[in-house]
Amino acid sequence: MTEEKLPQMPTYLQPHSLNEEDGMYEYISEDGPLTVKELKILNQHGYVYESEVNEVEFDYQDEDGAWHTGYQDCYYFTRIKL
């Protein structure tokens, strides 16, 4: 039986800890929804999907000082020890 090599976690895909006490992690995407491949990589690294909030509106300022409205999807995970 051959052991499958765990794919490396891309830097952009690493969720950030919201609160060390409750073990919740958040991943924010401004580039659209997570793909099945990305979710599979997260799962293989111990991140378990809990919930998401889509099309969250946020304001940002560009290099010229003009304000714009952007949208992002927020994904929430718990993490298990592998």
PDB file of N, CA and C in Angstrom:
ATOM      1  N   MET A   1       0.841  -1.178   0.000  1.00  0.00           N
ATOM      2  CA  MET A   1       0.000   0.000   0.000  1.00  0.00           C
ATOM      3  C   MET A   1       0.885   1.240   0.000  1.00  0.00           C
ATOM      4  N   THR A   2       0.661   2.131  -0.942  1.00  0.00           N
ATOM      5  CA  THR A   2       1.458   3.336  -1.078  1.00  0.00           C
ATOM      6  C   THR A   2       0.787   4.475  -0.312  1.00  0.00           C
ATOM      7  N   GLU A   3       1.596   5.192   0.475  1.00  0.00           N
ATOM      8  CA  GLU A   3       1.063   6.320   1.232  1.00  0.00           C
ATOM      9  C   GLU A   3       0.985   7.539   0.323  1.00  0.00           C
ATOM     10  N   GLU A   4      -0.178   8.170   0.268  1.00  0.00           N
ATOM     11  CA  GLU A   4      -0.377   9.350  -0.569  1.00  0.00           C
ATOM     12  C   GLU A   4       0.298  10.543   0.079  1.00  0.00           C
ATOM     13  N   LYS A   5       1.065  11.306  -0.716  1.00  0.00           N
ATOM     14  CA  LYS A   5       1.752  12.484  -0.218  1.00  0.00           C
ATOM     15  C   LYS A   5       0.749  13.621  -0.032  1.00  0.00           C
ATOM     16  N   LEU A   6       0.806  14.261   1.116  1.00  0.00           N
ATOM     17  CA  LEU A   6      -0.080  15.374   1.434  1.00  0.00           C
ATOM     18  C   LEU A   6       0.318  16.585   0.591  1.00  0.00           C
ATOM     19  N   PRO A   7      -0.631  17.177  -0.166  1.00  0.00           N
ATOM     20  CA  PRO A   7      -0.271  18.352  -0.967  1.00  0.00           C
ATOM     21  C   PRO A   7       0.112  19.517  -0.060  1.00  0.00           C
ATOM     22  N   GLN A   8       1.069  20.299  -0.507  1.00  0.00           N
ATOM     23  CA  GLN A   8       1.512  21.449   0.268  1.00  0.00           C
ATOM     24  C   GLN A   8       0.391  22.479   0.338  1.00  0.00           C
ATOM     25  N   MET A   9       0.259  23.110   1.483  1.00  0.00           N
ATOM     26  CA  MET A   9      -0.755  24.145   1.669  1.00  0.00           C
ATOM     27  C   MET A   9      -0.268  25.434   1.018  1.00  0.00           C
ATOM     28  N   PRO A  10      -0.960  25.911  -0.024  1.00  0.00           N
ATOM     29  CA  PRO A  10      -0.551  27.185  -0.640  1.00  0.00           C
ATOM     30  C   PRO A  10      -0.635  28.321   0.382  1.00  0.00           C
ATOM     31  N   THR A  11       0.305  29.222   0.326  1.00  0.00           N
ATOM     32  CA  THR A  11       0.354  30.328   1.290  1.00  0.00           C
ATOM     33  C   THR A  11      -0.944  31.139   1.294  1.00  0.00           C
ATOM     34  N   TYR A  12      -1.486  31.398   0.118  1.00  0.00           N
ATOM     35  CA  TYR A  12      -2.698  32.225   0.039  1.00  0.00           C
ATOM     36  C   TYR A  12      -3.911  31.549   0.670  1.00  0.00           C
ATOM     37  N   LEU A  13      -3.863  30.230   0.812  1.00  0.00           N
ATOM     38  CA  LEU A  13      -5.023  29.467   1.257  1.00  0.00           C
ATOM     39  C   LEU A  13      -5.049  29.242   2.770  1.00  0.00           C
ATOM     40  N   GLN A  14      -4.011  29.605   3.481  1.00  0.00           N
ATOM     41  CA  GLN A  14      -3.934  29.321   4.908  1.00  0.00           C
ATOM     42  C   GLN A  14      -4.909  30.185   5.708  1.00  0.00           C
ATOM     43  N   PRO A  15      -5.853  29.533   6.400  1.00  0.00           N
ATOM     44  CA  PRO A  15      -6.791  30.297   7.230  1.00  0.00           C
ATOM     45  C   PRO A  15      -6.076  30.948   8.420  1.00  0.00           C
ATOM     46  N   HIS A  16      -6.667  32.013   8.924  1.00  0.00           N
ATOM     47  CA  HIS A  16      -6.115  32.727  10.072  1.00  0.00           C
ATOM     48  C   HIS A  16      -6.958  32.427  11.301  1.00  0.00           C
ATOM     49  N   SER A  17      -6.282  32.258  12.416  1.00  0.00           N
ATOM     50  CA  SER A  17      -6.963  31.962  13.668  1.00  0.00           C
ATOM     51  C   SER A  17      -7.779  33.173  14.114  1.00  0.00           C
ATOM     52  N   LEU A  18      -9.037  32.919  14.447  1.00  0.00           N
ATOM     53  CA  LEU A  18      -9.895  33.986  14.978  1.00  0.00           C
ATOM     54  C   LEU A  18      -9.739  34.103  16.478  1.00  0.00           C
ATOM     55  N   ASN A  19      -9.651  32.943  17.130  1.00  0.00           N
ATOM     56  CA  ASN A  19      -9.590  32.903  18.579  1.00  0.00           C
ATOM     57  C   ASN A  19      -8.979  31.564  18.974  1.00  0.00           C
ATOM     58  N   GLU A  20      -7.816  31.589  19.580  1.00  0.00           N
ATOM     59  CA  GLU A  20      -7.138  30.345  19.935  1.00  0.00           C
ATOM     60  C   GLU A  20      -7.947  29.494  20.914  1.00  0.00           C
ATOM     61  N   GLU A  21      -8.780  30.123  21.724  1.00  0.00           N
ATOM     62  CA  GLU A  21      -9.543  29.393  22.736  1.00  0.00           C
ATOM     63  C   GLU A  21     -10.623  28.502  22.131  1.00  0.00           C
ATOM     64  N   ASP A  22     -11.283  28.970  21.058  1.00  0.00           N
ATOM     65  CA  ASP A  22     -12.357  28.161  20.490  1.00  0.00           C
ATOM     66  C   ASP A  22     -11.933  27.407  19.230  1.00  0.00           C
ATOM     67  N   GLY A  23     -10.702  27.621  18.764  1.00  0.00           N
ATOM     68  CA  GLY A  23     -10.187  26.867  17.640  1.00  0.00           C
ATOM     69  C   GLY A  23     -10.810  27.192  16.298  1.00  0.00           C
ATOM     70  N   MET A  24     -11.394  28.379  16.167  1.00  0.00           N
ATOM     71  CA  MET A  24     -12.010  28.780  14.900  1.00  0.00           C
ATOM     72  C   MET A  24     -10.988  29.493  14.015  1.00  0.00           C
ATOM     73  N   TYR A  25     -11.094  29.190  12.720  1.00  0.00           N
ATOM     74  CA  TYR A  25     -10.221  29.797  11.725  1.00  0.00           C
ATOM     75  C   TYR A  25     -11.076  30.427  10.639  1.00  0.00           C
ATOM     76  N   GLU A  26     -10.537  31.489  10.033  1.00  0.00           N
ATOM     77  CA  GLU A  26     -11.268  32.193   8.984  1.00  0.00           C
ATOM     78  C   GLU A  26     -10.388  32.292   7.745  1.00  0.00           C
ATOM     79  N   TYR A  27     -11.011  32.066   6.594  1.00  0.00           N
ATOM     80  CA  TYR A  27     -10.357  32.288   5.312  1.00  0.00           C
ATOM     81  C   TYR A  27     -11.226  33.276   4.541  1.00  0.00           C
ATOM     82  N   ILE A  28     -10.619  34.341   4.035  1.00  0.00           N
ATOM     83  CA  ILE A  28     -11.351  35.360   3.296  1.00  0.00           C
ATOM     84  C   ILE A  28     -10.912  35.328   1.839  1.00  0.00           C
ATOM     85  N   SER A  29     -11.881  35.262   0.944  1.00  0.00           N
ATOM     86  CA  SER A  29     -11.608  35.233  -0.491  1.00  0.00           C
ATOM     87  C   SER A  29     -12.273  36.417  -1.167  1.00  0.00           C
ATOM     88  N   GLU A  30     -11.474  37.201  -1.885  1.00  0.00           N
ATOM     89  CA  GLU A  30     -12.010  38.283  -2.702  1.00  0.00           C
ATOM     90  C   GLU A  30     -12.085  37.840  -4.161  1.00  0.00           C
ATOM     91  N   ASP A  31     -11.646  36.605  -4.432  1.00  0.00           N
ATOM     92  CA  ASP A  31     -11.574  36.091  -5.803  1.00  0.00           C
ATOM     93  C   ASP A  31     -12.676  35.091  -6.119  1.00  0.00           C
ATOM     94  N   GLY A  32     -13.740  35.085  -5.350  1.00  0.00           N
ATOM     95  CA  GLY A  32     -14.823  34.150  -5.605  1.00  0.00           C
ATOM     96  C   GLY A  32     -14.798  32.976  -4.642  1.00  0.00           C
ATOM     97  N   PRO A  33     -15.703  32.030  -4.844  1.00  0.00           N
ATOM     98  CA  PRO A  33     -15.834  30.905  -3.914  1.00  0.00           C
ATOM     99  C   PRO A  33     -14.633  29.956  -3.959  1.00  0.00           C
ATOM    100  N   LEU A  34     -14.437  29.254  -2.857  1.00  0.00           N
ATOM    101  CA  LEU A  34     -13.401  28.221  -2.810  1.00  0.00           C
ATOM    102  C   LEU A  34     -13.743  27.116  -3.795  1.00  0.00           C
ATOM    103  N   THR A  35     -12.732  26.548  -4.405  1.00  0.00           N
ATOM    104  CA  THR A  35     -12.948  25.432  -5.322  1.00  0.00           C
ATOM    105  C   THR A  35     -12.958  24.126  -4.543  1.00  0.00           C
ATOM    106  N   VAL A  36     -13.441  23.074  -5.173  1.00  0.00           N
ATOM    107  CA  VAL A  36     -13.433  21.756  -4.550  1.00  0.00           C
ATOM    108  C   VAL A  36     -11.996  21.346  -4.232  1.00  0.00           C
ATOM    109  N   LYS A  37     -11.067  21.644  -5.136  1.00  0.00           N
ATOM    110  CA  LYS A  37      -9.660  21.309  -4.916  1.00  0.00           C
ATOM    111  C   LYS A  37      -9.125  22.031  -3.677  1.00  0.00           C
ATOM    112  N   GLU A  38      -9.449  23.313  -3.518  1.00  0.00           N
ATOM    113  CA  GLU A  38      -8.988  24.073  -2.356  1.00  0.00           C
ATOM    114  C   GLU A  38      -9.591  23.522  -1.068  1.00  0.00           C
ATOM    115  N   LEU A  39     -10.888  23.196  -1.087  1.00  0.00           N
ATOM    116  CA  LEU A  39     -11.522  22.607   0.099  1.00  0.00           C
ATOM    117  C   LEU A  39     -10.889  21.263   0.458  1.00  0.00           C
ATOM    118  N   LYS A  40     -10.551  20.474  -0.546  1.00  0.00           N
ATOM    119  CA  LYS A  40      -9.912  19.183  -0.303  1.00  0.00           C
ATOM    120  C   LYS A  40      -8.550  19.374   0.361  1.00  0.00           C
ATOM    121  N   ILE A  41      -7.774  20.337  -0.107  1.00  0.00           N
ATOM    122  CA  ILE A  41      -6.470  20.617   0.502  1.00  0.00           C
ATOM    123  C   ILE A  41      -6.642  21.054   1.955  1.00  0.00           C
ATOM    124  N   LEU A  42      -7.601  21.938   2.208  1.00  0.00           N
ATOM    125  CA  LEU A  42      -7.872  22.378   3.582  1.00  0.00           C
ATOM    126  C   LEU A  42      -8.244  21.194   4.461  1.00  0.00           C
ATOM    127  N   ASN A  43      -9.123  20.316   3.978  1.00  0.00           N
ATOM    128  CA  ASN A  43      -9.530  19.129   4.733  1.00  0.00           C
ATOM    129  C   ASN A  43      -8.342  18.234   5.030  1.00  0.00           C
ATOM    130  N   GLN A  44      -7.474  18.037   4.056  1.00  0.00           N
ATOM    131  CA  GLN A  44      -6.316  17.168   4.245  1.00  0.00           C
ATOM    132  C   GLN A  44      -5.343  17.725   5.277  1.00  0.00           C
ATOM    133  N   HIS A  45      -5.404  19.033   5.514  1.00  0.00           N
ATOM    134  CA  HIS A  45      -4.549  19.660   6.520  1.00  0.00           C
ATOM    135  C   HIS A  45      -5.271  19.830   7.854  1.00  0.00           C
ATOM    136  N   GLY A  46      -6.445  19.228   7.988  1.00  0.00           N
ATOM    137  CA  GLY A  46      -7.153  19.213   9.264  1.00  0.00           C
ATOM    138  C   GLY A  46      -8.187  20.296   9.450  1.00  0.00           C
ATOM    139  N   TYR A  47      -8.450  21.115   8.435  1.00  0.00           N
ATOM    140  CA  TYR A  47      -9.459  22.164   8.557  1.00  0.00           C
ATOM    141  C   TYR A  47     -10.818  21.600   8.157  1.00  0.00           C
ATOM    142  N   VAL A  48     -11.783  21.739   9.065  1.00  0.00           N
ATOM    143  CA  VAL A  48     -13.126  21.209   8.851  1.00  0.00           C
ATOM    144  C   VAL A  48     -14.082  22.390   8.657  1.00  0.00           C
ATOM    145  N   TYR A  49     -14.747  22.403   7.517  1.00  0.00           N
ATOM    146  CA  TYR A  49     -15.681  23.480   7.164  1.00  0.00           C
ATOM    147  C   TYR A  49     -16.802  23.561   8.184  1.00  0.00           C
ATOM    148  N   GLU A  50     -17.108  24.785   8.618  1.00  0.00           N
ATOM    149  CA  GLU A  50     -18.211  25.017   9.553  1.00  0.00           C
ATOM    150  C   GLU A  50     -19.316  25.862   8.915  1.00  0.00           C
ATOM    151  N   SER A  51     -18.932  27.004   8.327  1.00  0.00           N
ATOM    152  CA  SER A  51     -19.945  27.896   7.745  1.00  0.00           C
ATOM    153  C   SER A  51     -19.263  28.914   6.834  1.00  0.00           C
ATOM    154  N   GLU A  52     -20.099  29.718   6.185  1.00  0.00           N
ATOM    155  CA  GLU A  52     -19.578  30.774   5.318  1.00  0.00           C
ATOM    156  C   GLU A  52     -20.571  31.923   5.263  1.00  0.00           C
ATOM    157  N   VAL A  53     -20.047  33.098   4.919  1.00  0.00           N
ATOM    158  CA  VAL A  53     -20.852  34.287   4.689  1.00  0.00           C
ATOM    159  C   VAL A  53     -20.391  34.826   3.344  1.00  0.00           C
ATOM    160  N   ASN A  54     -21.313  34.964   2.403  1.00  0.00           N
ATOM    161  CA  ASN A  54     -20.950  35.374   1.046  1.00  0.00           C
ATOM    162  C   ASN A  54     -21.302  36.829   0.777  1.00  0.00           C
ATOM    163  N   GLU A  55     -20.554  37.414  -0.150  1.00  0.00           N
ATOM    164  CA  GLU A  55     -20.799  38.777  -0.632  1.00  0.00           C
ATOM    165  C   GLU A  55     -20.800  39.812   0.496  1.00  0.00           C
ATOM    166  N   VAL A  56     -19.815  39.715   1.394  1.00  0.00           N
ATOM    167  CA  VAL A  56     -19.672  40.692   2.469  1.00  0.00           C
ATOM    168  C   VAL A  56     -19.075  41.960   1.854  1.00  0.00           C
ATOM    169  N   GLU A  57     -19.747  43.058   2.052  1.00  0.00           N
ATOM    170  CA  GLU A  57     -19.329  44.335   1.470  1.00  0.00           C
ATOM    171  C   GLU A  57     -18.257  44.976   2.347  1.00  0.00           C
ATOM    172  N   PHE A  58     -17.220  45.532   1.699  1.00  0.00           N
ATOM    173  CA  PHE A  58     -16.203  46.282   2.433  1.00  0.00           C
ATOM    174  C   PHE A  58     -15.726  47.442   1.567  1.00  0.00           C
ATOM    175  N   ASP A  59     -15.252  48.488   2.213  1.00  0.00           N
ATOM    176  CA  ASP A  59     -14.738  49.661   1.511  1.00  0.00           C
ATOM    177  C   ASP A  59     -13.216  49.650   1.570  1.00  0.00           C
ATOM    178  N   TYR A  60     -12.604  50.096   0.494  1.00  0.00           N
ATOM    179  CA  TYR A  60     -11.147  50.192   0.463  1.00  0.00           C
ATOM    180  C   TYR A  60     -10.739  51.415  -0.360  1.00  0.00           C
ATOM    181  N   GLN A  61      -9.525  51.873  -0.093  1.00  0.00           N
ATOM    182  CA  GLN A  61      -9.010  53.059  -0.748  1.00  0.00           C
ATOM    183  C   GLN A  61      -7.902  52.642  -1.717  1.00  0.00           C
ATOM    184  N   ASP A  62      -7.940  53.135  -2.954  1.00  0.00           N
ATOM    185  CA  ASP A  62      -6.906  52.789  -3.928  1.00  0.00           C
ATOM    186  C   ASP A  62      -5.689  53.703  -3.776  1.00  0.00           C
ATOM    187  N   GLU A  63      -4.693  53.499  -4.636  1.00  0.00           N
ATOM    188  CA  GLU A  63      -3.437  54.260  -4.560  1.00  0.00           C
ATOM    189  C   GLU A  63      -3.643  55.759  -4.739  1.00  0.00           C
ATOM    190  N   ASP A  64      -4.703  56.145  -5.460  1.00  0.00           N
ATOM    191  CA  ASP A  64      -4.977  57.558  -5.713  1.00  0.00           C
ATOM    192  C   ASP A  64      -5.849  58.192  -4.631  1.00  0.00           C
ATOM    193  N   GLY A  65      -6.241  57.424  -3.642  1.00  0.00           N
ATOM    194  CA  GLY A  65      -7.052  57.948  -2.555  1.00  0.00           C
ATOM    195  C   GLY A  65      -8.548  57.836  -2.765  1.00  0.00           C
ATOM    196  N   ALA A  66      -8.960  57.267  -3.897  1.00  0.00           N
ATOM    197  CA  ALA A  66     -10.397  57.112  -4.165  1.00  0.00           C
ATOM    198  C   ALA A  66     -10.934  55.891  -3.411  1.00  0.00           C
ATOM    199  N   TRP A  67     -12.150  56.022  -2.915  1.00  0.00           N
ATOM    200  CA  TRP A  67     -12.783  54.925  -2.179  1.00  0.00           C
ATOM    201  C   TRP A  67     -13.623  54.061  -3.115  1.00  0.00           C
ATOM    202  N   HIS A  68     -13.604  52.760  -2.861  1.00  0.00           N
ATOM    203  CA  HIS A  68     -14.348  51.791  -3.649  1.00  0.00           C
ATOM    204  C   HIS A  68     -15.011  50.790  -2.711  1.00  0.00           C
ATOM    205  N   THR A  69     -16.008  50.098  -3.225  1.00  0.00           N
ATOM    206  CA  THR A  69     -16.668  49.030  -2.485  1.00  0.00           C
ATOM    207  C   THR A  69     -16.274  47.704  -3.111  1.00  0.00           C
ATOM    208  N   GLY A  70     -15.853  46.761  -2.273  1.00  0.00           N
ATOM    209  CA  GLY A  70     -15.507  45.428  -2.738  1.00  0.00           C
ATOM    210  C   GLY A  70     -16.382  44.406  -2.041  1.00  0.00           C
ATOM    211  N   TYR A  71     -16.282  43.161  -2.488  1.00  0.00           N
ATOM    212  CA  TYR A  71     -17.071  42.077  -1.903  1.00  0.00           C
ATOM    213  C   TYR A  71     -16.153  40.891  -1.636  1.00  0.00           C
ATOM    214  N   GLN A  72     -16.407  40.199  -0.551  1.00  0.00           N
ATOM    215  CA  GLN A  72     -15.596  39.049  -0.189  1.00  0.00           C
ATOM    216  C   GLN A  72     -16.457  37.943   0.392  1.00  0.00           C
ATOM    217  N   ASP A  73     -15.949  36.729   0.304  1.00  0.00           N
ATOM    218  CA  ASP A  73     -16.588  35.566   0.921  1.00  0.00           C
ATOM    219  C   ASP A  73     -15.737  35.156   2.118  1.00  0.00           C
ATOM    220  N   CYS A  74     -16.385  34.925   3.254  1.00  0.00           N
ATOM    221  CA  CYS A  74     -15.685  34.531   4.475  1.00  0.00           C
ATOM    222  C   CYS A  74     -16.056  33.088   4.811  1.00  0.00           C
ATOM    223  N   TYR A  75     -15.049  32.250   5.005  1.00  0.00           N
ATOM    224  CA  TYR A  75     -15.250  30.837   5.321  1.00  0.00           C
ATOM    225  C   TYR A  75     -14.703  30.568   6.716  1.00  0.00           C
ATOM    226  N   TYR A  76     -15.426  29.753   7.473  1.00  0.00           N
ATOM    227  CA  TYR A  76     -15.035  29.458   8.849  1.00  0.00           C
ATOM    228  C   TYR A  76     -14.794  27.959   9.013  1.00  0.00           C
ATOM    229  N   PHE A  77     -13.704  27.639   9.707  1.00  0.00           N
ATOM    230  CA  PHE A  77     -13.272  26.258   9.896  1.00  0.00           C
ATOM    231  C   PHE A  77     -12.890  26.024  11.346  1.00  0.00           C
ATOM    232  N   THR A  78     -12.998  24.780  11.774  1.00  0.00           N
ATOM    233  CA  THR A  78     -12.341  24.331  12.991  1.00  0.00           C
ATOM    234  C   THR A  78     -11.179  23.480  12.517  1.00  0.00           C
ATOM    235  N   ARG A  79     -10.253  23.175  13.404  1.00  0.00           N
ATOM    236  CA  ARG A  79      -9.089  22.386  12.999  1.00  0.00           C
ATOM    237  C   ARG A  79      -8.936  21.195  13.925  1.00  0.00           C
ATOM    238  N   ILE A  80      -8.693  20.065  13.321  1.00  0.00           N
ATOM    239  CA  ILE A  80      -8.450  18.850  14.100  1.00  0.00           C
ATOM    240  C   ILE A  80      -6.988  18.474  13.968  1.00  0.00           C
ATOM    241  N   LYS A  81      -6.453  17.827  14.969  1.00  0.00           N
ATOM    242  CA  LYS A  81      -5.072  17.351  14.941  1.00  0.00           C
ATOM    243  C   LYS A  81      -5.032  16.078  14.146  1.00  0.00           C
ATOM    244  N   LEU A  82      -4.144  16.003  13.176  1.00  0.00           N
ATOM    245  CA  LEU A  82      -4.005  14.816  12.355  1.00  0.00           C
ATOM    246  C   LEU A  82      -2.974  13.882  12.931  1.00  0.00           C
TER     247      LEU A  82
END
